[in-house]
Every structure is written in C-alpha cells, then in structure tokens.
C-alpha cells in the first residue's frame, strides 16, 4: 500500500492567524511539519494551500 501525506495549510485561522508561517526556531511552522512528514517515509508529501506565501515559505526553508 502506498500513502500520500497531505498537509493542509491555510492562513485564515481564527485562533492563530498565519499559523503556518509562525516562526519556530527561525523557520516557519509549515517547514517543520513538512520535514517531519518526509522523515516518516510514508510516501510523497504534498501541501494543500491557497496562499502563495506558504508556497514561498517552503521554497526558502
């Protein structure tokens, strides 16, 4: 069986706006999440987002 890891990431959270871009140890939270998903070695990792800032954050991390 093959898995695809899908990470949902949106900026419109009401409790913590811009959460995926929150700085944790100098990197955006979404970068840490993707790193851990890749480390699990379950299969390809995809990020589902509708905001270019998240895409850009992943490109620079």
N, C-alpha and C. Protein backbone atom coordinates (compact mmCIF):
# COMPACT_ATOMS: atom_id res chain seq x y z
N UNK A 1 0.84 -1.17 0.00
CA UNK A 1 0.00 0.00 0.00
C UNK A 1 0.89 1.24 0.00
N UNK A 2 0.54 2.19 -0.83
CA UNK A 2 1.28 3.45 -0.92
C UNK A 2 0.46 4.57 -0.30
N UNK A 3 1.11 5.37 0.50
CA UNK A 3 0.45 6.50 1.14
C UNK A 3 0.90 7.80 0.49
N UNK A 4 0.03 8.77 0.53
CA UNK A 4 0.38 10.15 0.18
C UNK A 4 0.06 10.99 1.41
N UNK A 5 1.04 11.71 1.89
CA UNK A 5 0.84 12.55 3.06
C UNK A 5 0.39 13.93 2.58
N UNK A 6 -0.79 14.33 2.99
CA UNK A 6 -1.34 15.63 2.59
C UNK A 6 -1.40 16.54 3.81
N UNK A 7 -0.70 17.65 3.73
CA UNK A 7 -0.63 18.61 4.83
C UNK A 7 -1.49 19.83 4.47
N UNK A 8 -2.62 20.02 5.14
CA UNK A 8 -3.43 21.21 4.87
C UNK A 8 -2.80 22.43 5.55
N UNK A 9 -2.72 23.53 4.83
CA UNK A 9 -2.12 24.75 5.39
C UNK A 9 -2.88 25.96 4.88
N UNK A 10 -3.51 26.67 5.82
CA UNK A 10 -4.23 27.89 5.44
C UNK A 10 -3.93 28.98 6.46
N UNK A 11 -4.07 30.20 6.02
CA UNK A 11 -3.71 31.34 6.87
C UNK A 11 -4.89 31.95 7.60
N UNK A 12 -6.10 31.51 7.33
CA UNK A 12 -7.30 32.16 7.86
C UNK A 12 -7.78 31.61 9.20
N UNK A 13 -6.91 31.05 9.97
CA UNK A 13 -7.29 30.54 11.29
C UNK A 13 -7.81 31.68 12.16
N UNK A 14 -8.85 31.41 12.94
CA UNK A 14 -9.39 32.45 13.81
C UNK A 14 -8.63 32.54 15.13
N UNK A 15 -8.12 31.43 15.62
CA UNK A 15 -7.43 31.45 16.92
C UNK A 15 -5.97 31.88 16.79
N UNK A 16 -5.31 31.50 15.70
CA UNK A 16 -3.92 31.88 15.50
C UNK A 16 -3.70 32.19 14.01
N UNK A 17 -4.04 33.41 13.60
CA UNK A 17 -3.88 33.78 12.19
C UNK A 17 -2.44 33.58 11.71
N UNK A 18 -2.30 33.16 10.48
CA UNK A 18 -0.99 32.94 9.85
C UNK A 18 -0.17 31.84 10.53
N UNK A 19 -0.84 30.90 11.16
CA UNK A 19 -0.15 29.85 11.90
C UNK A 19 0.91 29.12 11.08
N UNK A 20 0.67 28.73 9.82
CA UNK A 20 1.71 28.01 9.09
C UNK A 20 3.00 28.82 8.92
N UNK A 21 2.91 30.13 9.01
CA UNK A 21 4.08 30.98 8.84
C UNK A 21 4.70 31.39 10.17
N UNK A 22 4.13 30.95 11.27
CA UNK A 22 4.67 31.30 12.59
C UNK A 22 6.11 30.83 12.71
N UNK A 23 6.95 31.71 13.23
CA UNK A 23 8.38 31.40 13.36
C UNK A 23 8.61 30.46 14.54
N UNK A 24 9.25 29.35 14.26
CA UNK A 24 9.66 28.40 15.30
C UNK A 24 11.13 28.09 15.05
N UNK A 25 11.96 28.53 15.96
CA UNK A 25 13.41 28.30 15.86
C UNK A 25 13.96 28.79 14.52
N UNK A 26 13.46 29.95 14.07
CA UNK A 26 14.00 30.56 12.86
C UNK A 26 13.43 30.06 11.55
N UNK A 27 12.46 29.17 11.61
CA UNK A 27 11.83 28.64 10.39
C UNK A 27 10.32 28.65 10.54
N UNK A 28 9.59 28.74 9.42
CA UNK A 28 8.13 28.72 9.52
C UNK A 28 7.62 27.36 9.98
N UNK A 29 6.53 27.36 10.72
CA UNK A 29 5.95 26.13 11.24
C UNK A 29 5.71 25.10 10.14
N UNK A 30 5.23 25.53 8.98
CA UNK A 30 4.94 24.60 7.90
C UNK A 30 6.19 23.85 7.45
N UNK A 31 7.35 24.48 7.51
CA UNK A 31 8.59 23.81 7.14
C UNK A 31 8.90 22.68 8.11
N UNK A 32 8.65 22.90 9.39
CA UNK A 32 8.87 21.84 10.38
C UNK A 32 7.91 20.68 10.15
N UNK A 33 6.66 20.99 9.84
CA UNK A 33 5.65 19.94 9.62
C UNK A 33 6.03 19.10 8.40
N UNK A 34 6.41 19.75 7.32
CA UNK A 34 6.79 19.02 6.10
C UNK A 34 8.04 18.19 6.36
N UNK A 35 8.99 18.73 7.08
CA UNK A 35 10.22 17.98 7.40
C UNK A 35 9.89 16.69 8.16
N UNK A 36 9.00 16.78 9.12
CA UNK A 36 8.63 15.60 9.91
C UNK A 36 7.83 14.60 9.07
N UNK A 37 6.99 15.12 8.19
CA UNK A 37 6.23 14.23 7.31
C UNK A 37 7.16 13.48 6.38
N UNK A 38 8.16 14.15 5.85
CA UNK A 38 9.14 13.49 4.99
C UNK A 38 9.95 12.46 5.77
N UNK A 39 10.30 12.79 7.01
CA UNK A 39 11.09 11.87 7.84
C UNK A 39 10.33 10.60 8.16
N UNK A 40 9.00 10.65 8.15
CA UNK A 40 8.19 9.46 8.43
C UNK A 40 8.30 8.43 7.32
N UNK A 41 8.73 8.85 6.14
CA UNK A 41 8.94 7.97 4.99
C UNK A 41 7.72 7.11 4.68
N UNK A 42 6.53 7.73 4.72
CA UNK A 42 5.30 7.01 4.38
C UNK A 42 4.98 7.10 2.90
N UNK A 43 5.53 8.11 2.23
CA UNK A 43 5.26 8.33 0.82
C UNK A 43 5.47 9.78 0.49
N UNK A 44 5.04 10.18 -0.70
CA UNK A 44 5.20 11.57 -1.10
C UNK A 44 4.43 12.51 -0.17
N UNK A 45 4.95 13.71 -0.01
CA UNK A 45 4.32 14.71 0.85
C UNK A 45 3.86 15.88 -0.03
N UNK A 46 2.60 16.27 0.14
CA UNK A 46 2.05 17.41 -0.59
C UNK A 46 1.43 18.38 0.41
N UNK A 47 1.55 19.65 0.12
CA UNK A 47 0.95 20.69 0.96
C UNK A 47 -0.22 21.29 0.19
N UNK A 48 -1.40 21.25 0.80
CA UNK A 48 -2.60 21.83 0.19
C UNK A 48 -2.80 23.23 0.75
N UNK A 49 -2.66 24.23 -0.11
CA UNK A 49 -2.81 25.61 0.33
C UNK A 49 -3.40 26.45 -0.78
N UNK A 50 -3.93 27.58 -0.41
CA UNK A 50 -4.45 28.51 -1.40
C UNK A 50 -3.73 29.86 -1.30
N UNK A 51 -2.59 29.87 -0.62
CA UNK A 51 -1.89 31.13 -0.41
C UNK A 51 -0.43 31.02 -0.85
N UNK A 52 -0.04 31.91 -1.73
CA UNK A 52 1.32 31.89 -2.28
C UNK A 52 2.38 32.07 -1.20
N UNK A 53 2.07 32.77 -0.11
CA UNK A 53 3.06 32.99 0.95
C UNK A 53 3.52 31.68 1.57
N UNK A 54 2.64 30.70 1.65
CA UNK A 54 3.02 29.39 2.19
C UNK A 54 3.96 28.70 1.21
N UNK A 55 3.62 28.76 -0.07
CA UNK A 55 4.48 28.17 -1.10
C UNK A 55 5.86 28.81 -1.05
N UNK A 56 5.90 30.13 -0.95
CA UNK A 56 7.18 30.84 -0.90
C UNK A 56 7.97 30.49 0.36
N UNK A 57 7.29 30.33 1.48
CA UNK A 57 7.98 29.97 2.73
C UNK A 57 8.63 28.60 2.61
N UNK A 58 7.97 27.69 1.93
CA UNK A 58 8.54 26.35 1.75
C UNK A 58 9.71 26.38 0.77
N UNK A 59 9.64 27.27 -0.18
CA UNK A 59 10.73 27.38 -1.15
C UNK A 59 11.99 27.97 -0.55
N UNK A 60 11.85 28.73 0.52
CA UNK A 60 13.01 29.38 1.12
C UNK A 60 13.51 28.69 2.38
N UNK A 61 12.83 27.60 2.79
CA UNK A 61 13.25 26.94 4.04
C UNK A 61 14.13 25.75 3.77
